[in-house]
C-alpha cells in the first residue's frame, strides 16, 4: 500500500500534496476543494501547472516538502504585490488568473502566535504537556466533571498555539472564533469567515490585552519621543519604516487617550501603571488589530 501511494505510476498522491502545499501559501488551492479530488470536487484552475508541480515534487524534489515550499515562496507568482487594481478586482475577484500575490488572513493559531512573537513574549519551549493560556472567565464550564481551566503561569501561558489544551465540548474560544474546527471530524480545509466577534476578540480578549501590554513595554524599552516609540512598534508589525500619515494617526490616538486617562487615572489601571503607559498600550493594541497584522 505504501509503495503504491508514492509509485511513479500513481499521480494522485503527488497532485494532492502539491495542491495542499500550494493552498497553504496562496490561500486557495489549484483545486479549491483540497479535501475532495473526486468527481464531486472542483476542477483545477490550472491543470498543467498542477501536473508540473506534482512531477517536480515527486521527482526533482524527492518528496521534500521544504524544497517544494521554497520553490513556491521564491517564485515570481508568489512575489507579486497583493494590491488589487479596480479593473482586475472586477475581472478576477478570486485571483484565478494568479495576476497578483496571495492575500489571506492568518489561521486561528497563527493569529495568536504572530501576536506573541511581535510582542516579544513567544515561548520557544518545546514538548511537554498541554498548557492553559488566558481566556475569558466563565467560558470553560464542564457539566460532567469538576475540571477547571487553571490558567498557566510563567512562560507556559505564552507557548505556541499547538500546545493549548483542547476540549472538544468546549474548545479554546479565540481559536473557534477564527474558524478553527472543533475536532469532531477531520477537516482538510478551513473556510475563513469575517465576523464582528473576531474584532471584539482581538480588541478585548485577556490574552490579547497581555500581548498589547508586552508590545507597549517593547516599544517603551528605549528612550525616545512618542513618535519614535510608536514607529518602533510599527516596525515590529510591518518590518519596514511606517509612513508618516500612519504615525500621525497613531499619535492622535495616543494624545487623546492620554488626556482621558489623566482626567480619570483609575480607568487606566487595567492597561498600565501610568496614564502614559496605558495610552501606549492602547496604541499597541491598535497595531495588533491592523489588517496587516492579521493578513499575509
Protein backbone atom coordinates (compact mmCIF):
# COMPACT_ATOMS: atom_id res chain seq x y z
CA UNK A 1 0.00 0.00 0.00
CA UNK A 2 2.77 2.45 0.95
CA UNK A 3 4.75 1.65 -2.19
CA UNK A 4 1.68 2.13 -4.37
CA UNK A 5 0.87 5.53 -2.80
CA UNK A 6 4.19 7.02 -3.95
CA UNK A 7 4.72 4.92 -7.08
CA UNK A 8 5.55 6.99 -10.20
CA UNK A 9 2.54 5.47 -11.98
CA UNK A 10 0.18 6.81 -9.29
CA UNK A 11 -0.17 10.58 -9.90
CA UNK A 12 -2.87 11.18 -7.28
CA UNK A 13 -0.69 11.41 -4.15
CA UNK A 14 1.72 13.95 -5.64
CA UNK A 15 -1.13 16.03 -7.02
CA UNK A 16 -2.98 16.09 -3.71
CA UNK A 17 0.12 17.02 -1.71
CA UNK A 18 1.28 19.66 -4.20
CA UNK A 19 -2.19 21.19 -4.18
CA UNK A 20 -2.37 21.33 -0.39
CA UNK A 21 1.07 22.91 -0.11
CA UNK A 22 0.09 25.44 -2.78
CA UNK A 23 -3.06 26.26 -0.81
CA UNK A 24 -1.01 26.83 2.36
CA UNK A 25 0.97 29.60 0.68
CA UNK A 26 -1.56 31.04 -1.74
CA UNK A 27 -4.68 30.71 0.41
CA UNK A 28 -6.51 28.80 -2.31
CA UNK A 29 -5.68 25.50 -3.95
CA UNK A 30 -5.31 24.98 -7.68
CA UNK A 31 -8.13 22.57 -6.92
CA UNK A 32 -10.20 24.61 -4.49
CA UNK A 33 -11.71 21.57 -2.82
CA UNK A 34 -8.44 20.34 -1.33
CA UNK A 35 -10.44 17.77 0.63
CA UNK A 36 -12.04 16.28 -2.49
CA UNK A 37 -10.17 15.26 -5.66
CA UNK A 38 -13.04 13.08 -6.79
CA UNK A 39 -15.85 13.53 -9.29
CA UNK A 40 -17.73 15.82 -6.89
CA UNK A 41 -14.75 18.11 -6.30
CA UNK A 42 -13.87 21.27 -8.19
CA UNK A 43 -11.86 21.13 -11.39
CA UNK A 44 -8.30 22.51 -11.26
CA UNK A 45 -7.98 26.11 -12.40
CA UNK A 46 -4.53 25.35 -13.89
CA UNK A 47 -4.31 21.59 -14.58
CA UNK A 48 -0.98 21.84 -16.42
CA UNK A 49 0.57 23.75 -13.53
CA UNK A 50 -0.69 21.17 -11.05
CA UNK A 51 0.82 18.33 -13.09
CA UNK A 52 4.10 20.22 -13.40
CA UNK A 53 4.32 20.80 -9.65
CA UNK A 54 3.34 17.22 -8.84
CA UNK A 55 6.04 15.80 -11.11
CA UNK A 56 8.70 18.06 -9.61
CA UNK A 57 7.63 17.24 -6.06
CA UNK A 58 7.78 13.52 -6.81
CA UNK A 59 10.91 13.51 -8.94
CA UNK A 60 13.23 16.53 -8.73
CA UNK A 61 12.50 17.28 -5.05
CA UNK A 62 12.24 13.67 -3.90
CA UNK A 63 9.10 14.40 -1.85
CA UNK A 64 10.94 17.12 0.10
CA UNK A 65 8.25 19.47 1.40
CA UNK A 66 10.87 22.04 2.44
CA UNK A 67 12.38 22.24 -1.06
CA UNK A 68 8.95 22.40 -2.65
CA UNK A 69 7.77 25.24 -0.39
CA UNK A 70 10.99 27.12 -1.03
CA UNK A 71 10.39 26.86 -4.76
CA UNK A 72 6.89 28.32 -4.37
CA UNK A 73 7.99 31.07 -1.97
CA UNK A 74 10.74 32.23 -4.35
CA UNK A 75 8.52 32.15 -7.43
CA UNK A 76 7.60 35.36 -9.27
CA UNK A 77 3.93 34.46 -8.80
CA UNK A 78 4.21 34.49 -5.01
CA UNK A 79 6.40 37.62 -5.06
CA UNK A 80 3.75 39.74 -6.78
CA UNK A 81 2.07 42.61 -4.96
CA UNK A 82 -1.26 41.71 -3.37
CA UNK A 83 -2.79 45.09 -4.26
CA UNK A 84 -5.89 44.71 -6.40
CA UNK A 85 -6.42 47.22 -9.23
CA UNK A 86 -10.06 48.13 -9.78
CA UNK A 87 -10.24 46.57 -13.24
CA UNK A 88 -8.67 43.31 -12.04
CA UNK A 89 -10.93 43.14 -8.98
CA UNK A 90 -13.94 43.21 -11.27
CA UNK A 91 -12.49 40.83 -13.83
CA UNK A 92 -10.90 38.29 -11.46
CA UNK A 93 -12.06 38.80 -7.84
CA UNK A 94 -10.87 35.35 -6.73
CA UNK A 95 -7.43 35.67 -8.37
CA UNK A 96 -7.91 32.61 -10.54
CA UNK A 97 -5.55 34.17 -13.09
CA UNK A 98 -2.79 34.45 -10.47
CA UNK A 99 -2.26 38.03 -11.62
CA UNK A 100 -1.49 39.26 -8.10
CA UNK A 101 0.17 37.97 -4.98
CA UNK A 102 -1.70 35.98 -2.35
CA UNK A 103 -3.59 37.75 0.40
CA UNK A 104 -5.20 35.64 3.09
CA UNK A 105 -5.93 36.03 6.78
CA UNK A 106 -3.75 34.09 9.18
CA UNK A 107 -5.24 30.93 10.61
CA UNK A 108 -6.51 30.94 14.20
CA UNK A 109 -3.30 29.54 15.65
CA UNK A 110 -1.14 31.87 13.55
CA UNK A 111 -3.08 34.94 14.71
CA UNK A 112 -2.16 34.21 18.31
CA UNK A 113 1.42 33.07 17.67
CA UNK A 114 2.16 36.10 15.49
CA UNK A 115 0.86 38.48 18.17
CA UNK A 116 3.01 36.74 20.80
CA UNK A 117 6.06 36.98 18.54
CA UNK A 118 5.79 40.70 17.76
CA UNK A 119 5.08 41.38 21.44
CA UNK A 120 8.38 39.67 22.25
CA UNK A 121 6.96 37.08 24.64
CA UNK A 122 6.56 33.94 22.48
CA UNK A 123 8.00 31.00 24.40
CA UNK A 124 10.45 28.82 22.47
CA UNK A 125 9.93 25.89 24.83
CA UNK A 126 9.13 22.62 23.07
CA UNK A 127 7.35 19.39 24.02
CA UNK A 128 5.65 18.59 27.28
CA UNK A 129 2.01 18.56 28.41
CA UNK A 130 -0.69 20.98 27.17
CA UNK A 131 -0.88 24.49 28.62
CA UNK A 132 -3.76 26.77 29.58
CA UNK A 133 -3.32 30.32 28.26
CA UNK A 134 -5.65 33.12 29.46
CA UNK A 135 -9.23 33.07 28.20
CA UNK A 136 -12.44 34.92 29.21
CA UNK A 137 -13.92 33.94 32.55
CA UNK A 138 -16.86 31.55 32.56
CA UNK A 139 -16.18 30.06 29.12
CA UNK A 140 -14.86 26.66 30.13
CA UNK A 141 -17.67 25.19 32.21
CA UNK A 142 -17.83 21.41 32.41
CA UNK A 143 -21.11 19.64 33.11
CA UNK A 144 -19.97 16.12 33.90
CA UNK A 145 -16.87 16.82 35.98
CA UNK A 146 -15.34 19.36 38.33
CA UNK A 147 -12.45 20.15 35.98
CA UNK A 148 -11.44 23.80 35.84
CA UNK A 149 -9.39 25.93 33.48
CA UNK A 150 -6.36 26.73 35.60
CA UNK A 151 -4.56 29.47 33.68
CA UNK A 152 -0.88 28.63 33.21
CA UNK A 153 1.75 30.78 34.85
CA UNK A 154 5.22 31.90 33.80
CA UNK A 155 6.21 31.28 30.17
CA UNK A 156 3.71 28.46 29.73
CA UNK A 157 0.93 30.98 29.10
CA UNK A 158 2.94 32.26 26.10
CA UNK A 159 3.68 28.96 24.41
CA UNK A 160 2.74 28.28 20.79
CA UNK A 161 -0.88 27.55 19.99
CA UNK A 162 -0.12 23.92 19.21
CA UNK A 163 0.34 23.31 22.96
CA UNK A 164 -3.00 24.84 24.00
CA UNK A 165 -5.25 22.34 25.75
CA UNK A 166 -8.27 21.44 23.64
CA UNK A 167 -11.56 20.01 24.80
CA UNK A 168 -13.94 19.07 22.02
CA UNK A 169 -17.02 20.06 24.01
CA UNK A 170 -15.52 23.45 24.87
CA UNK A 171 -12.68 24.50 22.59
CA UNK A 172 -10.39 27.45 23.12
CA UNK A 173 -12.76 30.36 22.30
CA UNK A 174 -10.27 32.50 20.41
CA UNK A 175 -9.46 29.63 18.03
CA UNK A 176 -13.13 28.84 17.43
CA UNK A 177 -13.83 32.50 16.69
CA UNK A 178 -11.17 32.43 13.98
CA UNK A 179 -12.63 29.33 12.28
CA UNK A 180 -10.65 26.59 13.99
CA UNK A 181 -12.51 23.25 13.72
CA UNK A 182 -13.99 21.61 16.80
CA UNK A 183 -12.06 18.38 16.07
CA UNK A 184 -15.21 16.30 15.95
CA UNK A 185 -14.09 15.20 12.49
CA UNK A 186 -11.11 15.51 10.16
CA UNK A 187 -11.00 18.83 8.30
CA UNK A 188 -8.69 19.33 5.32
CA UNK A 189 -9.80 22.89 4.51
CA UNK A 190 -10.94 25.73 6.76
CA UNK A 191 -13.45 28.16 5.34
CA UNK A 192 -12.40 31.62 6.64
CA UNK A 193 -15.11 33.95 7.89
CA UNK A 194 -15.12 37.64 8.71
CA UNK A 195 -17.30 38.49 11.70
CA UNK A 196 -17.51 41.32 14.27
CA UNK A 197 -16.79 38.77 17.00
CA UNK A 198 -13.27 38.34 15.62
CA UNK A 199 -12.55 42.05 16.02
CA UNK A 200 -14.05 42.01 19.51
CA UNK A 201 -11.75 39.11 20.40
CA UNK A 202 -8.53 40.77 19.27
CA UNK A 203 -9.58 44.01 20.99
CA UNK A 204 -10.77 42.64 24.32
CA UNK A 205 -9.61 39.05 24.89
CA UNK A 206 -7.46 38.84 28.08
CA UNK A 207 -4.65 37.13 26.17
CA UNK A 208 -4.54 39.90 23.57
CA UNK A 209 -4.56 42.57 26.24
CA UNK A 210 -1.49 40.91 27.78
CA UNK A 211 0.19 40.88 24.39
CA UNK A 212 -0.61 44.57 23.88
CA UNK A 213 0.95 45.39 27.25
CA UNK A 214 4.06 43.40 26.34
CA UNK A 215 4.30 45.15 22.97
CA UNK A 216 3.95 48.52 24.72
CA UNK A 217 6.82 47.56 27.03
CA UNK A 218 8.89 46.66 23.99
CA UNK A 219 8.05 49.99 22.33
CA UNK A 220 8.99 51.84 25.53
CA UNK A 221 12.17 49.86 26.18
CA UNK A 222 14.49 52.52 24.72
CA UNK A 223 14.48 56.23 25.29
CA UNK A 224 12.91 58.41 22.66
CA UNK A 225 9.98 60.58 21.74
CA UNK A 226 6.44 59.31 21.45
CA UNK A 227 6.80 59.32 17.68
CA UNK A 228 9.93 57.17 17.89
CA UNK A 229 8.28 54.70 20.25
CA UNK A 230 5.22 54.33 18.03
CA UNK A 231 7.40 53.96 14.94
CA UNK A 232 9.32 51.22 16.78
CA UNK A 233 6.08 49.34 17.34
CA UNK A 234 5.04 49.75 13.72
CA UNK A 235 8.33 48.29 12.54
CA UNK A 236 7.76 45.26 14.77
CA UNK A 237 4.49 44.66 12.92
CA UNK A 238 5.33 45.60 9.32
CA UNK A 239 9.14 45.07 9.26
CA UNK A 240 9.53 48.40 7.45
CA UNK A 241 9.51 52.10 8.26
CA UNK A 242 5.89 53.24 8.67
CA UNK A 243 4.51 56.07 6.50
CA UNK A 244 4.11 59.47 8.11
CA UNK A 245 0.27 59.54 7.90
CA UNK A 246 0.13 56.27 9.83
CA UNK A 247 2.34 57.64 12.60
CA UNK A 248 0.33 60.86 12.73
CA UNK A 249 -2.93 58.94 13.20
CA UNK A 250 -1.48 56.82 15.99
CA UNK A 251 -0.05 59.88 17.74
CA UNK A 252 -3.51 61.49 17.71
CA UNK A 253 -4.87 58.28 19.23
CA UNK A 254 -2.16 58.36 21.90
CA UNK A 255 -2.73 62.03 22.75
CA UNK A 256 -6.50 61.58 23.02
CA UNK A 257 -6.17 58.50 25.24
CA UNK A 258 -3.51 60.17 27.40
CA UNK A 259 -5.75 63.18 28.02
CA UNK A 260 -8.65 60.92 29.01
CA UNK A 261 -6.54 58.73 31.30
CA UNK A 262 -5.06 61.77 33.02
CA UNK A 263 -8.57 63.01 33.80
CA UNK A 264 -9.52 59.59 35.14
CA UNK A 265 -6.38 57.73 36.31
CA UNK A 266 -8.40 54.81 37.67
CA UNK A 267 -9.60 53.91 34.17
CA UNK A 268 -6.02 53.44 33.03
CA UNK A 269 -5.02 50.93 35.71
CA UNK A 270 -6.14 47.94 33.64
CA UNK A 271 -3.78 48.91 30.80
CA UNK A 272 -0.74 50.28 32.60
CA UNK A 273 0.78 51.68 35.75
CA UNK A 274 0.68 55.24 34.44
CA UNK A 275 -1.58 57.12 32.02
CA UNK A 276 1.35 57.30 29.58
CA UNK A 277 1.87 53.52 29.59
CA UNK A 278 -1.89 52.92 29.35
CA UNK A 279 -2.11 55.17 26.28
CA UNK A 280 0.86 53.39 24.70
CA UNK A 281 -0.79 50.03 25.42
CA UNK A 282 -3.90 51.24 23.59
CA UNK A 283 -1.73 52.12 20.60
CA UNK A 284 -0.06 48.70 20.79
CA UNK A 285 -3.47 47.02 20.86
CA UNK A 286 -4.41 49.00 17.77
CA UNK A 287 -1.26 47.82 16.00
CA UNK A 288 -2.10 44.19 16.79
CA UNK A 289 -5.53 44.75 15.21
CA UNK A 290 -4.29 46.24 11.96
CA UNK A 291 -5.20 44.36 8.82
CA UNK A 292 -1.51 43.90 8.08
CA UNK A 293 -1.12 42.13 11.45
CA UNK A 294 -3.83 39.59 10.69
CA UNK A 295 -3.16 39.06 6.99
CA UNK A 296 -0.29 37.66 4.99
